[in-house]
PDB file of all heavy atoms in Angstrom:
ATOM      1  N   LYS A   1      81.123 -38.192 -16.545  1.00  0.00           N
ATOM      2  CA  LYS A   1      80.764 -36.832 -16.152  1.00  0.00           C
ATOM      3  C   LYS A   1      81.804 -35.834 -16.649  1.00  0.00           C
ATOM      4  O   LYS A   1      81.462 -34.700 -17.037  1.00  0.00           O
ATOM      5  CB  LYS A   1      80.604 -36.741 -14.632  1.00  0.00           C
ATOM      6  CG  LYS A   1      79.431 -37.559 -14.089  1.00  0.00           C
ATOM      7  CD  LYS A   1      79.217 -37.340 -12.607  1.00  0.00           C
ATOM      8  CE  LYS A   1      78.588 -35.990 -12.323  1.00  0.00           C
ATOM      9  NZ  LYS A   1      78.166 -35.859 -10.907  1.00  0.00           N
ATOM     10  N   ASN A   2      83.073 -36.255 -16.656  1.00  0.00           N
ATOM     11  CA  ASN A   2      84.137 -35.379 -17.149  1.00  0.00           C
ATOM     12  C   ASN A   2      83.927 -35.029 -18.623  1.00  0.00           C
ATOM     13  O   ASN A   2      84.194 -33.906 -19.047  1.00  0.00           O
ATOM     14  CB  ASN A   2      85.505 -36.046 -16.990  1.00  0.00           C
ATOM     15  CG  ASN A   2      85.953 -36.150 -15.549  1.00  0.00           C
ATOM     16  OD1 ASN A   2      85.426 -35.470 -14.676  1.00  0.00           O
ATOM     17  ND2 ASN A   2      86.924 -37.009 -15.292  1.00  0.00           N
ATOM     18  N   ILE A   3      83.467 -36.014 -19.396  1.00  0.00           N
ATOM     19  CA  ILE A   3      83.300 -35.815 -20.845  1.00  0.00           C
ATOM     20  C   ILE A   3      81.934 -35.222 -21.188  1.00  0.00           C
ATOM     21  O   ILE A   3      81.827 -34.288 -21.988  1.00  0.00           O
ATOM     22  CB  ILE A   3      83.468 -37.151 -21.595  1.00  0.00           C
ATOM     23  CG1 ILE A   3      84.905 -37.680 -21.440  1.00  0.00           C
ATOM     24  CG2 ILE A   3      83.123 -36.976 -23.076  1.00  0.00           C
ATOM     25  CD1 ILE A   3      85.974 -36.838 -22.098  1.00  0.00           C
ATOM     26  N   PHE A   4      80.893 -35.752 -20.592  1.00  0.00           N
ATOM     27  CA  PHE A   4      79.532 -35.393 -21.008  1.00  0.00           C
ATOM     28  C   PHE A   4      78.843 -34.377 -20.089  1.00  0.00           C
ATOM     29  O   PHE A   4      77.751 -33.906 -20.410  1.00  0.00           O
ATOM     30  CB  PHE A   4      78.663 -36.647 -21.106  1.00  0.00           C
ATOM     31  CG  PHE A   4      79.136 -37.628 -22.139  1.00  0.00           C
ATOM     32  CD1 PHE A   4      79.935 -38.709 -21.784  1.00  0.00           C
ATOM     33  CD2 PHE A   4      78.788 -37.470 -23.472  1.00  0.00           C
ATOM     34  CE1 PHE A   4      80.375 -39.619 -22.744  1.00  0.00           C
ATOM     35  CE2 PHE A   4      79.229 -38.373 -24.437  1.00  0.00           C
ATOM     36  CZ  PHE A   4      80.026 -39.450 -24.071  1.00  0.00           C
ATOM     37  N   GLY A   5      79.467 -34.072 -18.959  1.00  0.00           N
ATOM     38  CA  GLY A   5      78.861 -33.122 -18.039  1.00  0.00           C
ATOM     39  C   GLY A   5      77.533 -33.626 -17.508  1.00  0.00           C
ATOM     40  O   GLY A   5      77.417 -34.781 -17.075  1.00  0.00           O
ATOM     41  N   ASP A   6      76.523 -32.764 -17.550  1.00  0.00           N
ATOM     42  CA  ASP A   6      75.193 -33.141 -17.052  1.00  0.00           C
ATOM     43  C   ASP A   6      74.316 -33.748 -18.145  1.00  0.00           C
ATOM     44  O   ASP A   6      73.139 -34.049 -17.899  1.00  0.00           O
ATOM     45  CB  ASP A   6      74.490 -31.908 -16.465  1.00  0.00           C
ATOM     46  CG  ASP A   6      75.196 -31.373 -15.222  1.00  0.00           C
ATOM     47  OD1 ASP A   6      75.789 -32.193 -14.490  1.00  0.00           O
ATOM     48  OD2 ASP A   6      75.162 -30.147 -15.001  1.00  0.00           O
ATOM     49  N   ASN A   7      74.870 -33.922 -19.344  1.00  0.00           N
ATOM     50  CA  ASN A   7      74.084 -34.449 -20.468  1.00  0.00           C
ATOM     51  C   ASN A   7      74.629 -35.798 -20.932  1.00  0.00           C
ATOM     52  O   ASN A   7      74.994 -35.981 -22.093  1.00  0.00           O
ATOM     53  CB  ASN A   7      74.101 -33.439 -21.622  1.00  0.00           C
ATOM     54  CG  ASN A   7      73.485 -32.118 -21.244  1.00  0.00           C
ATOM     55  OD1 ASN A   7      72.339 -32.069 -20.790  1.00  0.00           O
ATOM     56  ND2 ASN A   7      74.234 -31.043 -21.401  1.00  0.00           N
ATOM     57  N   ILE A   8      74.683 -36.748 -20.001  1.00  0.00           N
ATOM     58  CA  ILE A   8      75.211 -38.073 -20.319  1.00  0.00           C
ATOM     59  C   ILE A   8      74.175 -38.840 -21.141  1.00  0.00           C
ATOM     60  O   ILE A   8      72.997 -38.921 -20.756  1.00  0.00           O
ATOM     61  CB  ILE A   8      75.562 -38.838 -19.036  1.00  0.00           C
ATOM     62  CG1 ILE A   8      76.681 -38.097 -18.291  1.00  0.00           C
ATOM     63  CG2 ILE A   8      75.993 -40.266 -19.353  1.00  0.00           C
ATOM     64  CD1 ILE A   8      77.025 -38.678 -16.949  1.00  0.00           C
ATOM     65  N   PRO A   9      74.573 -39.393 -22.288  1.00  0.00           N
ATOM     66  CA  PRO A   9      73.641 -40.157 -23.128  1.00  0.00           C
ATOM     67  C   PRO A   9      73.139 -41.405 -22.393  1.00  0.00           C
ATOM     68  O   PRO A   9      73.701 -41.795 -21.361  1.00  0.00           O
ATOM     69  CB  PRO A   9      74.495 -40.550 -24.345  1.00  0.00           C
ATOM     70  CG  PRO A   9      75.684 -39.651 -24.299  1.00  0.00           C
ATOM     71  CD  PRO A   9      75.919 -39.340 -22.854  1.00  0.00           C
ATOM     72  N   PRO A  10      72.100 -42.050 -22.889  1.00  0.00           N
ATOM     73  CA  PRO A  10      71.660 -43.324 -22.303  1.00  0.00           C
ATOM     74  C   PRO A  10      72.846 -44.286 -22.231  1.00  0.00           C
ATOM     75  O   PRO A  10      73.579 -44.444 -23.208  1.00  0.00           O
ATOM     76  CB  PRO A  10      70.596 -43.814 -23.287  1.00  0.00           C
ATOM     77  CG  PRO A  10      70.090 -42.576 -23.943  1.00  0.00           C
ATOM     78  CD  PRO A  10      71.271 -41.662 -24.050  1.00  0.00           C
ATOM     79  N   PHE A  11      73.037 -44.901 -21.078  1.00  0.00           N
ATOM     80  CA  PHE A  11      74.161 -45.825 -20.927  1.00  0.00           C
ATOM     81  C   PHE A  11      73.743 -47.038 -20.119  1.00  0.00           C
ATOM     82  O   PHE A  11      72.782 -47.000 -19.346  1.00  0.00           O
ATOM     83  CB  PHE A  11      75.361 -45.139 -20.263  1.00  0.00           C
ATOM     84  CG  PHE A  11      75.223 -44.935 -18.771  1.00  0.00           C
ATOM     85  CD1 PHE A  11      75.761 -45.852 -17.871  1.00  0.00           C
ATOM     86  CD2 PHE A  11      74.545 -43.831 -18.259  1.00  0.00           C
ATOM     87  CE1 PHE A  11      75.636 -45.675 -16.500  1.00  0.00           C
ATOM     88  CE2 PHE A  11      74.408 -43.642 -16.886  1.00  0.00           C
ATOM     89  CZ  PHE A  11      74.956 -44.568 -16.008  1.00  0.00           C
ATOM     90  N   SER A  12      74.478 -48.128 -20.326  1.00  0.00           N
ATOM     91  CA  SER A  12      74.240 -49.346 -19.554  1.00  0.00           C
ATOM     92  C   SER A  12      75.436 -50.265 -19.667  1.00  0.00           C
ATOM     93  O   SER A  12      76.237 -50.160 -20.591  1.00  0.00           O
ATOM     94  CB  SER A  12      72.984 -50.078 -20.058  1.00  0.00           C
ATOM     95  OG  SER A  12      73.170 -50.540 -21.387  1.00  0.00           O
ATOM     96  N   SER A  13      75.544 -51.157 -18.701  1.00  0.00           N
ATOM     97  CA  SER A  13      76.520 -52.250 -18.769  1.00  0.00           C
ATOM     98  C   SER A  13      75.755 -53.531 -19.065  1.00  0.00           C
ATOM     99  O   SER A  13      74.688 -53.763 -18.502  1.00  0.00           O
ATOM    100  CB  SER A  13      77.254 -52.396 -17.435  1.00  0.00           C
ATOM    101  OG  SER A  13      77.968 -53.623 -17.389  1.00  0.00           O
ATOM    102  N   THR A  14      76.308 -54.358 -19.948  1.00  0.00           N
ATOM    103  CA  THR A  14      75.652 -55.629 -20.283  1.00  0.00           C
ATOM    104  C   THR A  14      76.312 -56.814 -19.579  1.00  0.00           C
ATOM    105  O   THR A  14      76.031 -57.967 -19.900  1.00  0.00           O
ATOM    106  CB  THR A  14      75.672 -55.847 -21.807  1.00  0.00           C
ATOM    107  OG1 THR A  14      76.989 -55.610 -22.311  1.00  0.00           O
ATOM    108  CG2 THR A  14      74.705 -54.906 -22.493  1.00  0.00           C
ATOM    109  N   LYS A  15      77.159 -56.538 -18.599  1.00  0.00           N
ATOM    110  CA  LYS A  15      77.886 -57.628 -17.940  1.00  0.00           C
ATOM    111  C   LYS A  15      77.012 -58.463 -17.011  1.00  0.00           C
ATOM    112  O   LYS A  15      77.394 -59.577 -16.641  1.00  0.00           O
ATOM    113  CB  LYS A  15      79.118 -57.080 -17.218  1.00  0.00           C
ATOM    114  CG  LYS A  15      80.215 -56.679 -18.192  1.00  0.00           C
ATOM    115  CD  LYS A  15      81.495 -56.255 -17.501  1.00  0.00           C
ATOM    116  CE  LYS A  15      82.611 -56.042 -18.515  1.00  0.00           C
ATOM    117  NZ  LYS A  15      82.355 -54.972 -19.474  1.00  0.00           N
ATOM    118  N   ALA A  16      75.856 -57.962 -16.635  1.00  0.00           N
ATOM    119  CA  ALA A  16      74.940 -58.794 -15.852  1.00  0.00           C
ATOM    120  C   ALA A  16      74.270 -59.849 -16.729  1.00  0.00           C
ATOM    121  O   ALA A  16      73.617 -60.757 -16.230  1.00  0.00           O
ATOM    122  CB  ALA A  16      73.883 -57.928 -15.173  1.00  0.00           C
ATOM    123  N   TYR A  17      74.426 -59.742 -18.040  1.00  0.00           N
ATOM    124  CA  TYR A  17      73.978 -60.770 -18.986  1.00  0.00           C
ATOM    125  C   TYR A  17      75.046 -61.858 -19.150  1.00  0.00           C
ATOM    126  O   TYR A  17      74.759 -63.044 -19.036  1.00  0.00           O
ATOM    127  CB  TYR A  17      73.734 -60.159 -20.373  1.00  0.00           C
ATOM    128  CG  TYR A  17      72.463 -59.397 -20.564  1.00  0.00           C
ATOM    129  CD1 TYR A  17      72.446 -58.017 -20.430  1.00  0.00           C
ATOM    130  CD2 TYR A  17      71.289 -60.056 -20.918  1.00  0.00           C
ATOM    131  CE1 TYR A  17      71.279 -57.298 -20.655  1.00  0.00           C
ATOM    132  CE2 TYR A  17      70.120 -59.339 -21.143  1.00  0.00           C
ATOM    133  CZ  TYR A  17      70.119 -57.968 -21.004  1.00  0.00           C
ATOM    134  OH  TYR A  17      68.965 -57.268 -21.231  1.00  0.00           O
ATOM    135  N   THR A  18      76.259 -61.440 -19.455  1.00  0.00           N
ATOM    136  CA  THR A  18      77.321 -62.362 -19.883  1.00  0.00           C
ATOM    137  C   THR A  18      78.348 -62.686 -18.824  1.00  0.00           C
ATOM    138  O   THR A  18      79.105 -63.636 -18.964  1.00  0.00           O
ATOM    139  CB  THR A  18      78.084 -61.757 -21.076  1.00  0.00           C
ATOM    140  OG1 THR A  18      78.723 -60.538 -20.647  1.00  0.00           O
ATOM    141  CG2 THR A  18      77.145 -61.448 -22.233  1.00  0.00           C
ATOM    142  N   GLY A  19      78.397 -61.889 -17.756  1.00  0.00           N
ATOM    143  CA  GLY A  19      79.527 -61.939 -16.852  1.00  0.00           C
ATOM    144  C   GLY A  19      80.665 -61.136 -17.466  1.00  0.00           C
ATOM    145  O   GLY A  19      80.600 -60.719 -18.629  1.00  0.00           O
ATOM    146  N   HIS A  20      81.704 -60.906 -16.691  1.00  0.00           N
ATOM    147  CA  HIS A  20      82.866 -60.184 -17.220  1.00  0.00           C
ATOM    148  C   HIS A  20      83.757 -61.199 -17.931  1.00  0.00           C
ATOM    149  O   HIS A  20      84.356 -62.060 -17.301  1.00  0.00           O
ATOM    150  CB  HIS A  20      83.627 -59.501 -16.091  1.00  0.00           C
ATOM    151  CG  HIS A  20      84.703 -58.575 -16.568  1.00  0.00           C
ATOM    152  ND1 HIS A  20      84.994 -58.394 -17.902  1.00  0.00           N
ATOM    153  CD2 HIS A  20      85.572 -57.776 -15.892  1.00  0.00           C
ATOM    154  CE1 HIS A  20      85.988 -57.526 -18.026  1.00  0.00           C
ATOM    155  NE2 HIS A  20      86.345 -57.137 -16.813  1.00  0.00           N
ATOM    156  N   THR A  21      83.841 -61.079 -19.233  1.00  0.00           N
ATOM    157  CA  THR A  21      84.554 -62.061 -20.059  1.00  0.00           C
ATOM    158  C   THR A  21      86.001 -61.663 -20.330  1.00  0.00           C
ATOM    159  O   THR A  21      86.643 -62.189 -21.240  1.00  0.00           O
ATOM    160  CB  THR A  21      83.815 -62.270 -21.389  1.00  0.00           C
ATOM    161  OG1 THR A  21      83.652 -60.998 -22.036  1.00  0.00           O
ATOM    162  CG2 THR A  21      82.437 -62.889 -21.158  1.00  0.00           C
ATOM    163  N   LEU A  22      86.520 -60.724 -19.559  1.00  0.00           N
ATOM    164  CA  LEU A  22      87.934 -60.323 -19.609  1.00  0.00           C
ATOM    165  C   LEU A  22      88.368 -59.924 -21.020  1.00  0.00           C
ATOM    166  O   LEU A  22      87.851 -58.967 -21.559  1.00  0.00           O
ATOM    167  CB  LEU A  22      88.803 -61.440 -19.025  1.00  0.00           C
ATOM    168  CG  LEU A  22      88.408 -61.904 -17.606  1.00  0.00           C
ATOM    169  CD1 LEU A  22      89.351 -62.984 -17.099  1.00  0.00           C
ATOM    170  CD2 LEU A  22      88.348 -60.729 -16.645  1.00  0.00           C
ATOM    171  N   ALA A  23      89.305 -60.639 -21.624  1.00  0.00           N
ATOM    172  CA  ALA A  23      89.830 -60.242 -22.935  1.00  0.00           C
ATOM    173  C   ALA A  23      88.771 -60.259 -24.024  1.00  0.00           C
ATOM    174  O   ALA A  23      88.925 -59.602 -25.056  1.00  0.00           O
ATOM    175  CB  ALA A  23      90.994 -61.141 -23.332  1.00  0.00           C
ATOM    176  N   ALA A  24      87.699 -61.006 -23.813  1.00  0.00           N
ATOM    177  CA  ALA A  24      86.625 -61.065 -24.809  1.00  0.00           C
ATOM    178  C   ALA A  24      85.630 -59.923 -24.653  1.00  0.00           C
ATOM    179  O   ALA A  24      84.846 -59.651 -25.573  1.00  0.00           O
ATOM    180  CB  ALA A  24      85.880 -62.392 -24.706  1.00  0.00           C
TER     181      ALA A  24
END
């Protein structure tokens, strides 16, 4: 929100696919 204000581009996290792989 700080960077994009009210015009945030499409976004998503893919960690529900892979899990959080830390350094990878």
